[in-house]
């Protein structure tokens, strides 16, 4: 995959990310009148996997879909500790309320299959952001995470043409999107002189995320690159590198669009970040749940994958992206 191909494009109902490269349209969302069969509002839930600012944008997408369908009510739920146990509690609570559909970014998808299948028997189940392909989910809405990992790997190869040791950081490795991104990253750098020495996890603890980086910089003084897989990992890496006075000495590639990450891309401290379209995760998930509840099964492709493109943001495109992001957040 060429690192210069920008796989981006918001739905026509969202905003175009102008000035950041060539665009490819995001999948068109299903149209739905969202008329509940009993005349009451359709009750849906959108469950995140942690409390990152990443989800603020997804919430905007949920809200837009909700405004377009007055007979739909969506509860946006954030697990306080970012654990699979807390997600299960939220799921059980929603099922007890008679929920019509749940869109979830599952933590520990492999061990959550039984819980997810329980949802699928009682309501529409959609996975978003991170998939659970072995579950009975009706659809997955989100990034092709392995392809996104390959994009990150291509950026890393540009940053380290002569190779070097690299450490990878992520919240949890039992989450499907983390596994897929790391797999794509490894695939992209295979056969080069880049050596991925380990993957460090932090259980979504931001202080621990930063400490992992600081420890790496001390333990591996010859470290050449650092890769952050989840959104908060970018700022954690950057702050630790700054405190160690190693900006420019190690190359950073990360994911998503937290403010500190974009600031780091702008000043050159971060080589590039791979951004998703969380707005679309929210918008498309609500639309597809409503349509499926009405029996419109043709809104989901045969493979059940509704892929939303990713985009490489580097120094050349960061200003235009940040401006559009600010507009999208409503700030």
C-alpha atoms as a PDB file:
ATOM      1  CA  UNK A   1       0.000   0.000   0.000  1.00  0.00           C
ATOM      2  CA  UNK A   2       1.417   3.421  -0.920  1.00  0.00           C
ATOM      3  CA  UNK A   3       1.788   5.712   2.043  1.00  0.00           C
ATOM      4  CA  UNK A   4       0.732   8.604  -0.185  1.00  0.00           C
ATOM      5  CA  UNK A   5      -2.705   7.220  -0.904  1.00  0.00           C
ATOM      6  CA  UNK A   6      -5.134   9.073   1.321  1.00  0.00           C
ATOM      7  CA  UNK A   7      -8.093   6.855   2.067  1.00  0.00           C
ATOM      8  CA  UNK A   8     -10.503   9.460   3.290  1.00  0.00           C
ATOM      9  CA  UNK A   9     -13.857  11.077   2.741  1.00  0.00           C
ATOM     10  CA  UNK A  10     -16.717  11.800   5.022  1.00  0.00           C
ATOM     11  CA  UNK A  11     -20.286  10.964   4.095  1.00  0.00           C
ATOM     12  CA  UNK A  12     -22.045  13.721   2.143  1.00  0.00           C
ATOM     13  CA  UNK A  13     -23.990  14.557   5.242  1.00  0.00           C
ATOM     14  CA  UNK A  14     -20.751  15.181   7.150  1.00  0.00           C
ATOM     15  CA  UNK A  15     -17.933  17.428   5.981  1.00  0.00           C
ATOM     16  CA  UNK A  16     -15.199  16.939   3.421  1.00  0.00           C
ATOM     17  CA  UNK A  17     -11.649  16.945   4.659  1.00  0.00           C
ATOM     18  CA  UNK A  18     -10.361  19.406   2.091  1.00  0.00           C
ATOM     19  CA  UNK A  19      -6.697  19.934   1.419  1.00  0.00           C
ATOM     20  CA  UNK A  20      -5.482  16.606   2.840  1.00  0.00           C
ATOM     21  CA  UNK A  21      -5.090  14.644  -0.361  1.00  0.00           C
ATOM     22  CA  UNK A  22      -7.226  12.639  -2.760  1.00  0.00           C
ATOM     23  CA  UNK A  23     -10.557  11.554  -1.350  1.00  0.00           C
ATOM     24  CA  UNK A  24     -12.573   8.358  -1.504  1.00  0.00           C
ATOM     25  CA  UNK A  25     -16.190   8.351  -0.435  1.00  0.00           C
ATOM     26  CA  UNK A  26     -17.183   6.719   2.829  1.00  0.00           C
ATOM     27  CA  UNK A  27     -19.861   4.061   2.559  1.00  0.00           C
ATOM     28  CA  UNK A  28     -23.316   5.510   2.075  1.00  0.00           C
ATOM     29  CA  UNK A  29     -25.505   4.979   5.092  1.00  0.00           C
ATOM     30  CA  UNK A  30     -28.829   3.189   4.920  1.00  0.00           C
ATOM     31  CA  UNK A  31     -31.933   5.305   4.698  1.00  0.00           C
ATOM     32  CA  UNK A  32     -34.546   4.579   7.324  1.00  0.00           C
ATOM     33  CA  UNK A  33     -37.765   6.116   8.486  1.00  0.00           C
ATOM     34  CA  UNK A  34     -37.022   4.551  11.886  1.00  0.00           C
ATOM     35  CA  UNK A  35     -40.676   4.029  12.621  1.00  0.00           C
ATOM     36  CA  UNK A  36     -40.968   1.795  15.663  1.00  0.00           C
ATOM     37  CA  UNK A  37     -43.536  -0.940  15.195  1.00  0.00           C
ATOM     38  CA  UNK A  38     -45.331  -0.113  18.414  1.00  0.00           C
ATOM     39  CA  UNK A  39     -45.449   3.624  17.779  1.00  0.00           C
ATOM     40  CA  UNK A  40     -42.860   4.302  20.486  1.00  0.00           C
ATOM     41  CA  UNK A  41     -39.330   5.518  19.957  1.00  0.00           C
ATOM     42  CA  UNK A  42     -36.774   2.971  18.863  1.00  0.00           C
ATOM     43  CA  UNK A  43     -34.344   2.551  21.774  1.00  0.00           C
ATOM     44  CA  UNK A  44     -30.717   2.148  20.774  1.00  0.00           C
ATOM     45  CA  UNK A  45     -27.406   2.198  22.662  1.00  0.00           C
ATOM     46  CA  UNK A  46     -23.899   3.125  21.529  1.00  0.00           C
ATOM     47  CA  UNK A  47     -21.192   1.726  23.841  1.00  0.00           C
ATOM     48  CA  UNK A  48     -17.554   2.843  23.614  1.00  0.00           C
ATOM     49  CA  UNK A  49     -14.498   0.924  24.837  1.00  0.00           C
ATOM     50  CA  UNK A  50     -12.967   3.722  26.940  1.00  0.00           C
ATOM     51  CA  UNK A  51     -13.307   7.407  27.802  1.00  0.00           C
ATOM     52  CA  UNK A  52     -10.922   8.809  25.182  1.00  0.00           C
ATOM     53  CA  UNK A  53     -11.669  12.125  23.466  1.00  0.00           C
ATOM     54  CA  UNK A  54     -11.833  10.073  20.266  1.00  0.00           C
ATOM     55  CA  UNK A  55     -15.414   9.235  21.180  1.00  0.00           C
ATOM     56  CA  UNK A  56     -16.457  12.891  21.322  1.00  0.00           C
ATOM     57  CA  UNK A  57     -16.521  12.899  17.531  1.00  0.00           C
ATOM     58  CA  UNK A  58     -18.397   9.596  17.367  1.00  0.00           C
ATOM     59  CA  UNK A  59     -21.023  11.136  19.659  1.00  0.00           C
ATOM     60  CA  UNK A  60     -21.510  13.937  17.109  1.00  0.00           C
ATOM     61  CA  UNK A  61     -22.289  11.316  14.475  1.00  0.00           C
ATOM     62  CA  UNK A  62     -24.763   9.602  16.788  1.00  0.00           C
ATOM     63  CA  UNK A  63     -26.448  12.929  17.478  1.00  0.00           C
ATOM     64  CA  UNK A  64     -26.748  13.745  13.768  1.00  0.00           C
ATOM     65  CA  UNK A  65     -28.384  10.397  13.011  1.00  0.00           C
ATOM     66  CA  UNK A  66     -30.703  10.884  15.981  1.00  0.00           C
ATOM     67  CA  UNK A  67     -31.782  14.308  14.685  1.00  0.00           C
ATOM     68  CA  UNK A  68     -32.529  12.853  11.256  1.00  0.00           C
ATOM     69  CA  UNK A  69     -34.747  10.137  12.769  1.00  0.00           C
ATOM     70  CA  UNK A  70     -37.094  11.656  15.353  1.00  0.00           C
ATOM     71  CA  UNK A  71     -38.479   8.242  16.331  1.00  0.00           C
ATOM     72  CA  UNK A  72     -35.051   7.055  17.478  1.00  0.00           C
ATOM     73  CA  UNK A  73     -33.533   7.585  20.929  1.00  0.00           C
ATOM     74  CA  UNK A  74     -29.866   6.695  21.462  1.00  0.00           C
ATOM     75  CA  UNK A  75     -28.099   6.330  24.792  1.00  0.00           C
ATOM     76  CA  UNK A  76     -24.360   7.032  24.472  1.00  0.00           C
ATOM     77  CA  UNK A  77     -22.512   4.963  27.088  1.00  0.00           C
ATOM     78  CA  UNK A  78     -18.860   5.105  28.184  1.00  0.00           C
ATOM     79  CA  UNK A  79     -17.433   2.362  30.438  1.00  0.00           C
ATOM     80  CA  UNK A  80     -15.785   4.261  33.264  1.00  0.00           C
ATOM     81  CA  UNK A  81     -12.776   1.980  33.663  1.00  0.00           C
ATOM     82  CA  UNK A  82     -12.589   0.826  30.050  1.00  0.00           C
ATOM     83  CA  UNK A  83     -12.915  -2.818  31.062  1.00  0.00           C
ATOM     84  CA  UNK A  84     -14.770  -5.742  29.521  1.00  0.00           C
ATOM     85  CA  UNK A  85     -16.471  -6.258  32.874  1.00  0.00           C
ATOM     86  CA  UNK A  86     -17.885  -2.738  32.848  1.00  0.00           C
ATOM     87  CA  UNK A  87     -19.014  -3.177  29.244  1.00  0.00           C
ATOM     88  CA  UNK A  88     -20.884  -6.347  30.237  1.00  0.00           C
ATOM     89  CA  UNK A  89     -22.607  -4.475  33.051  1.00  0.00           C
ATOM     90  CA  UNK A  90     -23.732  -1.785  30.606  1.00  0.00           C
ATOM     91  CA  UNK A  91     -24.971  -4.426  28.168  1.00  0.00           C
ATOM     92  CA  UNK A  92     -26.944  -6.285  30.844  1.00  0.00           C
ATOM     93  CA  UNK A  93     -28.483  -3.014  31.997  1.00  0.00           C
ATOM     94  CA  UNK A  94     -29.574  -2.151  28.461  1.00  0.00           C
ATOM     95  CA  UNK A  95     -31.044  -5.599  27.826  1.00  0.00           C
ATOM     96  CA  UNK A  96     -33.017  -5.316  31.051  1.00  0.00           C
ATOM     97  CA  UNK A  97     -34.467  -2.054  29.726  1.00  0.00           C
ATOM     98  CA  UNK A  98     -35.648  -3.782  26.546  1.00  0.00           C
ATOM     99  CA  UNK A  99     -33.165  -2.145  24.200  1.00  0.00           C
ATOM    100  CA  UNK A 100     -33.826  -2.523  20.451  1.00  0.00           C
ATOM    101  CA  UNK A 101     -30.222  -2.339  19.299  1.00  0.00           C
ATOM    102  CA  UNK A 102     -26.668  -2.010  20.618  1.00  0.00           C
ATOM    103  CA  UNK A 103     -23.587  -0.777  18.755  1.00  0.00           C
ATOM    104  CA  UNK A 104     -20.448  -1.618  20.724  1.00  0.00           C
ATOM    105  CA  UNK A 105     -16.672  -1.432  20.446  1.00  0.00           C
ATOM    106  CA  UNK A 106     -15.968  -4.653  22.353  1.00  0.00           C
ATOM    107  CA  UNK A 107     -13.062  -5.055  24.716  1.00  0.00           C
ATOM    108  CA  UNK A 108     -11.733  -8.628  24.750  1.00  0.00           C
ATOM    109  CA  UNK A 109     -13.955  -9.715  21.848  1.00  0.00           C
ATOM    110  CA  UNK A 110     -12.886 -13.367  22.030  1.00  0.00           C
ATOM    111  CA  UNK A 111     -14.060 -13.766  25.620  1.00  0.00           C
ATOM    112  CA  UNK A 112     -17.122 -11.568  25.099  1.00  0.00           C
ATOM    113  CA  UNK A 113     -18.630 -13.737  22.360  1.00  0.00           C
ATOM    114  CA  UNK A 114     -21.189 -15.354  24.681  1.00  0.00           C
ATOM    115  CA  UNK A 115     -22.335 -11.953  25.959  1.00  0.00           C
ATOM    116  CA  UNK A 116     -22.499 -10.499  22.462  1.00  0.00           C
ATOM    117  CA  UNK A 117     -24.497 -13.450  21.178  1.00  0.00           C
ATOM    118  CA  UNK A 118     -26.918 -12.930  24.046  1.00  0.00           C
ATOM    119  CA  UNK A 119     -27.444  -9.393  22.750  1.00  0.00           C
ATOM    120  CA  UNK A 120     -27.932 -10.660  19.192  1.00  0.00           C
ATOM    121  CA  UNK A 121     -30.765 -12.939  20.364  1.00  0.00           C
ATOM    122  CA  UNK A 122     -32.652 -10.051  21.948  1.00  0.00           C
ATOM    123  CA  UNK A 123     -31.740  -6.990  19.874  1.00  0.00           C
ATOM    124  CA  UNK A 124     -29.850  -5.751  16.822  1.00  0.00           C
ATOM    125  CA  UNK A 125     -26.117  -6.128  17.481  1.00  0.00           C
ATOM    126  CA  UNK A 126     -23.586  -4.011  15.606  1.00  0.00           C
ATOM    127  CA  UNK A 127     -19.886  -3.815  16.384  1.00  0.00           C
ATOM    128  CA  UNK A 128     -18.133  -0.526  15.690  1.00  0.00           C
ATOM    129  CA  UNK A 129     -14.502   0.620  15.886  1.00  0.00           C
ATOM    130  CA  UNK A 130     -13.347  -2.886  16.856  1.00  0.00           C
ATOM    131  CA  UNK A 131     -14.945  -6.052  15.533  1.00  0.00           C
ATOM    132  CA  UNK A 132     -15.969  -9.369  17.061  1.00  0.00           C
ATOM    133  CA  UNK A 133     -16.066 -11.481  13.884  1.00  0.00           C
ATOM    134  CA  UNK A 134     -16.858 -14.737  15.698  1.00  0.00           C
ATOM    135  CA  UNK A 135     -19.994 -13.283  17.268  1.00  0.00           C
ATOM    136  CA  UNK A 136     -23.480 -13.136  15.775  1.00  0.00           C
ATOM    137  CA  UNK A 137     -23.238  -9.400  15.131  1.00  0.00           C
ATOM    138  CA  UNK A 138     -25.324  -8.140  12.228  1.00  0.00           C
ATOM    139  CA  UNK A 139     -22.601  -5.821  10.930  1.00  0.00           C
ATOM    140  CA  UNK A 140     -19.276  -4.182  11.698  1.00  0.00           C
ATOM    141  CA  UNK A 141     -18.966  -0.427  11.129  1.00  0.00           C
ATOM    142  CA  UNK A 142     -15.439   0.912  11.245  1.00  0.00           C
ATOM    143  CA  UNK A 143     -11.870   0.857  10.035  1.00  0.00           C
ATOM    144  CA  UNK A 144     -10.091  -1.938   8.218  1.00  0.00           C
ATOM    145  CA  UNK A 145      -7.617  -2.010  11.074  1.00  0.00           C
ATOM    146  CA  UNK A 146      -5.053  -4.249   9.434  1.00  0.00           C
ATOM    147  CA  UNK A 147      -4.918  -1.904   6.437  1.00  0.00           C
ATOM    148  CA  UNK A 148      -4.561   1.027   8.844  1.00  0.00           C
ATOM    149  CA  UNK A 149      -1.670  -0.782  10.523  1.00  0.00           C
ATOM    150  CA  UNK A 150      -0.032  -1.167   7.121  1.00  0.00           C
ATOM    151  CA  UNK A 151      -0.429   2.593   6.586  1.00  0.00           C
ATOM    152  CA  UNK A 152       1.311   3.226   9.901  1.00  0.00           C
ATOM    153  CA  UNK A 153       4.082   0.852   8.859  1.00  0.00           C
ATOM    154  CA  UNK A 154       4.585   2.678   5.583  1.00  0.00           C
ATOM    155  CA  UNK A 155       4.979   5.963   7.454  1.00  0.00           C
ATOM    156  CA  UNK A 156       7.438   4.316   9.836  1.00  0.00           C
ATOM    157  CA  UNK A 157       9.525   3.078   6.909  1.00  0.00           C
ATOM    158  CA  UNK A 158       9.725   6.615   5.537  1.00  0.00           C
ATOM    159  CA  UNK A 159      10.775   7.927   8.934  1.00  0.00           C
ATOM    160  CA  UNK A 160      13.386   5.186   9.440  1.00  0.00           C
ATOM    161  CA  UNK A 161      14.893   4.457   5.998  1.00  0.00           C
ATOM    162  CA  UNK A 162      17.926   2.891   7.633  1.00  0.00           C
ATOM    163  CA  UNK A 163      15.909   0.826  10.092  1.00  0.00           C
ATOM    164  CA  UNK A 164      16.257   0.641  13.839  1.00  0.00           C
ATOM    165  CA  UNK A 165      14.545  -0.644  16.982  1.00  0.00           C
ATOM    166  CA  UNK A 166      10.882   0.234  17.482  1.00  0.00           C
ATOM    167  CA  UNK A 167       8.549  -0.111  20.469  1.00  0.00           C
ATOM    168  CA  UNK A 168       4.761  -0.276  20.082  1.00  0.00           C
ATOM    169  CA  UNK A 169       2.261   0.958  22.679  1.00  0.00           C
ATOM    170  CA  UNK A 170      -1.446   0.164  23.079  1.00  0.00           C
ATOM    171  CA  UNK A 171      -4.106  -0.146  25.756  1.00  0.00           C
ATOM    172  CA  UNK A 172      -4.962  -3.827  25.422  1.00  0.00           C
ATOM    173  CA  UNK A 173      -3.846  -6.542  23.045  1.00  0.00           C
ATOM    174  CA  UNK A 174      -6.998  -8.647  23.523  1.00  0.00           C
ATOM    175  CA  UNK A 175      -8.978  -6.074  21.524  1.00  0.00           C
ATOM    176  CA  UNK A 176      -9.413  -6.944  17.856  1.00  0.00           C
ATOM    177  CA  UNK A 177      -8.473  -3.525  16.460  1.00  0.00           C
ATOM    178  CA  UNK A 178      -5.194  -3.569  18.394  1.00  0.00           C
ATOM    179  CA  UNK A 179      -4.365  -7.057  17.133  1.00  0.00           C
ATOM    180  CA  UNK A 180      -5.165  -6.105  13.549  1.00  0.00           C
ATOM    181  CA  UNK A 181      -3.205  -2.840  13.597  1.00  0.00           C
ATOM    182  CA  UNK A 182      -0.121  -4.473  15.061  1.00  0.00           C
ATOM    183  CA  UNK A 183      -0.392  -7.284  12.502  1.00  0.00           C
ATOM    184  CA  UNK A 184      -0.586  -4.724   9.675  1.00  0.00           C
ATOM    185  CA  UNK A 185       2.355  -2.806  11.103  1.00  0.00           C
ATOM    186  CA  UNK A 186       4.472  -5.955  11.285  1.00  0.00           C
ATOM    187  CA  UNK A 187       3.483  -6.892   7.742  1.00  0.00           C
ATOM    188  CA  UNK A 188       4.501  -3.487   6.390  1.00  0.00           C
ATOM    189  CA  UNK A 189       7.984  -3.525   7.941  1.00  0.00           C
ATOM    190  CA  UNK A 190       8.732  -7.191   7.228  1.00  0.00           C
ATOM    191  CA  UNK A 191      11.954  -7.583   5.279  1.00  0.00           C
ATOM    192  CA  UNK A 192      13.289  -4.176   6.331  1.00  0.00           C
ATOM    193  CA  UNK A 193      15.879  -3.264   8.952  1.00  0.00           C
ATOM    194  CA  UNK A 194      13.135  -2.073  11.292  1.00  0.00           C
ATOM    195  CA  UNK A 195      12.911  -4.317  14.366  1.00  0.00           C
ATOM    196  CA  UNK A 196       9.746  -4.248  16.481  1.00  0.00           C
ATOM    197  CA  UNK A 197      11.161  -5.312  19.820  1.00  0.00           C
ATOM    198  CA  UNK A 198       7.924  -5.473  21.827  1.00  0.00           C
ATOM    199  CA  UNK A 199       4.350  -4.251  22.359  1.00  0.00           C
ATOM    200  CA  UNK A 200       3.665  -2.574  25.715  1.00  0.00           C
ATOM    201  CA  UNK A 201       0.106  -2.400  27.118  1.00  0.00           C
ATOM    202  CA  UNK A 202      -1.337   0.017  29.678  1.00  0.00           C
ATOM    203  CA  UNK A 203      -4.957  -1.112  30.278  1.00  0.00           C
ATOM    204  CA  UNK A 204      -6.131   2.380  29.153  1.00  0.00           C
ATOM    205  CA  UNK A 205      -4.341   3.965  32.126  1.00  0.00           C
ATOM    206  CA  UNK A 206      -2.958   7.211  30.682  1.00  0.00           C
ATOM    207  CA  UNK A 207      -0.329   7.643  33.398  1.00  0.00           C
ATOM    208  CA  UNK A 208       0.892   4.106  32.813  1.00  0.00           C
ATOM    209  CA  UNK A 209       0.914   4.737  29.054  1.00  0.00           C
ATOM    210  CA  UNK A 210       3.351   7.596  29.554  1.00  0.00           C
ATOM    211  CA  UNK A 211       5.410   5.602  32.080  1.00  0.00           C
ATOM    212  CA  UNK A 212       5.762   2.766  29.554  1.00  0.00           C
ATOM    213  CA  UNK A 213       7.343   5.202  27.102  1.00  0.00           C
ATOM    214  CA  UNK A 214       9.636   6.741  29.705  1.00  0.00           C
ATOM    215  CA  UNK A 215      10.800   3.267  30.740  1.00  0.00           C
ATOM    216  CA  UNK A 216      11.470   2.341  27.117  1.00  0.00           C
ATOM    217  CA  UNK A 217      13.590   5.433  26.529  1.00  0.00           C
ATOM    218  CA  UNK A 218      15.750   4.520  29.526  1.00  0.00           C
ATOM    219  CA  UNK A 219      15.937   0.769  28.909  1.00  0.00           C
ATOM    220  CA  UNK A 220      16.628   1.103  25.188  1.00  0.00           C
ATOM    221  CA  UNK A 221      18.855   4.165  24.645  1.00  0.00           C
ATOM    222  CA  UNK A 222      19.238   3.169  20.988  1.00  0.00           C
ATOM    223  CA  UNK A 223      15.488   3.080  20.357  1.00  0.00           C
ATOM    224  CA  UNK A 224      14.736   4.629  16.961  1.00  0.00           C
ATOM    225  CA  UNK A 225      10.952   4.658  16.724  1.00  0.00           C
ATOM    226  CA  UNK A 226       7.807   4.654  18.842  1.00  0.00           C
ATOM    227  CA  UNK A 227       4.337   3.719  17.588  1.00  0.00           C
ATOM    228  CA  UNK A 228       1.097   4.523  19.421  1.00  0.00           C
ATOM    229  CA  UNK A 229      -1.821   2.280  18.449  1.00  0.00           C
ATOM    230  CA  UNK A 230      -4.702   3.883  20.403  1.00  0.00           C
ATOM    231  CA  UNK A 231      -5.634   7.561  20.409  1.00  0.00           C
ATOM    232  CA  UNK A 232      -4.205   8.556  23.806  1.00  0.00           C
ATOM    233  CA  UNK A 233      -0.918   6.757  23.112  1.00  0.00           C
ATOM    234  CA  UNK A 234       0.181   9.555  20.776  1.00  0.00           C
ATOM    235  CA  UNK A 235       0.102  12.295  23.441  1.00  0.00           C
ATOM    236  CA  UNK A 236       1.590   9.896  26.026  1.00  0.00           C
ATOM    237  CA  UNK A 237       4.530   9.127  23.737  1.00  0.00           C
ATOM    238  CA  UNK A 238       5.068  12.771  22.818  1.00  0.00           C
ATOM    239  CA  UNK A 239       5.028  14.014  26.421  1.00  0.00           C
ATOM    240  CA  UNK A 240       7.479  11.347  27.570  1.00  0.00           C
ATOM    241  CA  UNK A 241       9.818  12.072  24.654  1.00  0.00           C
ATOM    242  CA  UNK A 242       9.726  15.800  25.403  1.00  0.00           C
ATOM    243  CA  UNK A 243      10.535  15.241  29.074  1.00  0.00           C
ATOM    244  CA  UNK A 244      13.487  13.073  28.050  1.00  0.00           C
ATOM    245  CA  UNK A 245      14.715  15.785  25.640  1.00  0.00           C
ATOM    246  CA  UNK A 246      14.598  13.289  22.796  1.00  0.00           C
ATOM    247  CA  UNK A 247      12.339  15.085  20.323  1.00  0.00           C
ATOM    248  CA  UNK A 248      13.723  14.412  16.852  1.00  0.00           C
ATOM    249  CA  UNK A 249      16.001  11.658  18.134  1.00  0.00           C
ATOM    250  CA  UNK A 250      13.206   9.093  18.001  1.00  0.00           C
ATOM    251  CA  UNK A 251      10.546   8.971  15.287  1.00  0.00           C
ATOM    252  CA  UNK A 252       6.899   8.810  16.312  1.00  0.00           C
ATOM    253  CA  UNK A 253       3.965   7.412  14.336  1.00  0.00           C
ATOM    254  CA  UNK A 254       0.554   7.112  15.942  1.00  0.00           C
ATOM    255  CA  UNK A 255      -3.197   6.919  15.472  1.00  0.00           C
ATOM    256  CA  UNK A 256      -6.116   9.317  15.704  1.00  0.00           C
ATOM    257  CA  UNK A 257      -6.574  13.022  16.141  1.00  0.00           C
ATOM    258  CA  UNK A 258      -6.149  14.122  19.747  1.00  0.00           C
ATOM    259  CA  UNK A 259      -5.144  17.772  20.008  1.00  0.00           C
ATOM    260  CA  UNK A 260      -1.640  17.050  21.344  1.00  0.00           C
ATOM    261  CA  UNK A 261      -1.083  14.548  18.542  1.00  0.00           C
ATOM    262  CA  UNK A 262      -2.011  17.053  15.842  1.00  0.00           C
ATOM    263  CA  UNK A 263       0.153  19.707  17.519  1.00  0.00           C
ATOM    264  CA  UNK A 264       3.049  17.235  17.441  1.00  0.00           C
ATOM    265  CA  UNK A 265       2.493  16.544  13.746  1.00  0.00           C
ATOM    266  CA  UNK A 266       2.408  20.280  13.055  1.00  0.00           C
ATOM    267  CA  UNK A 267       5.706  21.029  14.820  1.00  0.00           C
ATOM    268  CA  UNK A 268       7.402  17.924  13.422  1.00  0.00           C
ATOM    269  CA  UNK A 269       7.690  16.019  16.698  1.00  0.00           C
ATOM    270  CA  UNK A 270       5.383  13.338  15.276  1.00  0.00           C
ATOM    271  CA  UNK A 271       5.989  12.054  11.754  1.00  0.00           C
ATOM    272  CA  UNK A 272       2.376  11.171  10.985  1.00  0.00           C
ATOM    273  CA  UNK A 273      -0.862   9.967  12.498  1.00  0.00           C
ATOM    274  CA  UNK A 274      -3.399   7.595  10.972  1.00  0.00           C
ATOM    275  CA  UNK A 275      -6.846   9.074  11.499  1.00  0.00           C
ATOM    276  CA  UNK A 276     -10.173   7.325  11.320  1.00  0.00           C
ATOM    277  CA  UNK A 277     -13.667   8.724  10.924  1.00  0.00           C
ATOM    278  CA  UNK A 278     -15.328   8.226  14.314  1.00  0.00           C
ATOM    279  CA  UNK A 279     -18.130  10.566  13.231  1.00  0.00           C
ATOM    280  CA  UNK A 280     -19.087   7.897  10.694  1.00  0.00           C
ATOM    281  CA  UNK A 281     -18.854   5.144  13.318  1.00  0.00           C
ATOM    282  CA  UNK A 282     -21.587   6.895  15.264  1.00  0.00           C
ATOM    283  CA  UNK A 283     -23.702   8.004  12.324  1.00  0.00           C
ATOM    284  CA  UNK A 284     -23.600   4.764  10.345  1.00  0.00           C
ATOM    285  CA  UNK A 285     -24.117   2.527  13.391  1.00  0.00           C
ATOM    286  CA  UNK A 286     -27.353   4.261  14.351  1.00  0.00           C
ATOM    287  CA  UNK A 287     -28.604   4.303  10.757  1.00  0.00           C
ATOM    288  CA  UNK A 288     -27.930   0.615  10.161  1.00  0.00           C
ATOM    289  CA  UNK A 289     -29.476  -0.500  13.476  1.00  0.00           C
ATOM    290  CA  UNK A 290     -32.653   1.434  12.684  1.00  0.00           C
ATOM    291  CA  UNK A 291     -32.820   0.005   9.164  1.00  0.00           C
ATOM    292  CA  UNK A 292     -32.226  -3.562  10.331  1.00  0.00           C
ATOM    293  CA  UNK A 293     -34.907  -3.193  12.977  1.00  0.00           C
ATOM    294  CA  UNK A 294     -37.300  -2.415  10.134  1.00  0.00           C
ATOM    295  CA  UNK A 295     -36.242  -5.576   8.322  1.00  0.00           C
ATOM    296  CA  UNK A 296     -34.095  -3.871   5.686  1.00  0.00           C
ATOM    297  CA  UNK A 297     -31.368  -6.515   5.580  1.00  0.00           C
ATOM    298  CA  UNK A 298     -30.023  -5.338   2.224  1.00  0.00           C
ATOM    299  CA  UNK A 299     -28.369  -2.319   3.897  1.00  0.00           C
ATOM    300  CA  UNK A 300     -25.572  -4.625   5.071  1.00  0.00           C
ATOM    301  CA  UNK A 301     -23.126  -6.144   2.540  1.00  0.00           C
ATOM    302  CA  UNK A 302     -22.811  -9.919   2.303  1.00  0.00           C
ATOM    303  CA  UNK A 303     -19.561  -9.926   4.296  1.00  0.00           C
ATOM    304  CA  UNK A 304     -21.194  -7.771   7.017  1.00  0.00           C
ATOM    305  CA  UNK A 305     -18.304  -5.295   6.864  1.00  0.00           C
ATOM    306  CA  UNK A 306     -19.125  -1.586   6.468  1.00  0.00           C
ATOM    307  CA  UNK A 307     -15.605  -0.209   6.132  1.00  0.00           C
ATOM    308  CA  UNK A 308     -14.936   3.477   6.792  1.00  0.00           C
ATOM    309  CA  UNK A 309     -11.669   4.702   5.172  1.00  0.00           C
ATOM    310  CA  UNK A 310      -8.664   5.974   7.113  1.00  0.00           C
ATOM    311  CA  UNK A 311      -6.326   8.845   6.270  1.00  0.00           C
ATOM    312  CA  UNK A 312      -2.647   9.665   6.771  1.00  0.00           C
ATOM    313  CA  UNK A 313      -2.129  13.100   8.309  1.00  0.00           C
ATOM    314  CA  UNK A 314       1.384  14.530   8.072  1.00  0.00           C
ATOM    315  CA  UNK A 315       2.801  18.020   8.438  1.00  0.00           C
ATOM    316  CA  UNK A 316       1.625  19.073   4.972  1.00  0.00           C
ATOM    317  CA  UNK A 317      -2.029  18.344   5.667  1.00  0.00           C
ATOM    318  CA  UNK A 318      -2.426  18.853   9.394  1.00  0.00           C
ATOM    319  CA  UNK A 319      -3.670  22.477   9.358  1.00  0.00           C
ATOM    320  CA  UNK A 320      -6.530  21.791   6.961  1.00  0.00           C
ATOM    321  CA  UNK A 321      -7.475  18.636   8.837  1.00  0.00           C
ATOM    322  CA  UNK A 322      -7.402  20.386  12.226  1.00  0.00           C
ATOM    323  CA  UNK A 323      -9.635  23.184  10.938  1.00  0.00           C
ATOM    324  CA  UNK A 324     -12.238  20.765   9.614  1.00  0.00           C
ATOM    325  CA  UNK A 325     -12.019  18.712  12.795  1.00  0.00           C
ATOM    326  CA  UNK A 326     -12.738  21.811  14.861  1.00  0.00           C
ATOM    327  CA  UNK A 327     -15.807  22.480  12.739  1.00  0.00           C
ATOM    328  CA  UNK A 328     -16.942  18.884  13.102  1.00  0.00           C
ATOM    329  CA  UNK A 329     -16.617  19.015  16.883  1.00  0.00           C
ATOM    330  CA  UNK A 330     -18.686  22.173  16.896  1.00  0.00           C
ATOM    331  CA  UNK A 331     -15.998  24.233  18.581  1.00  0.00           C
END
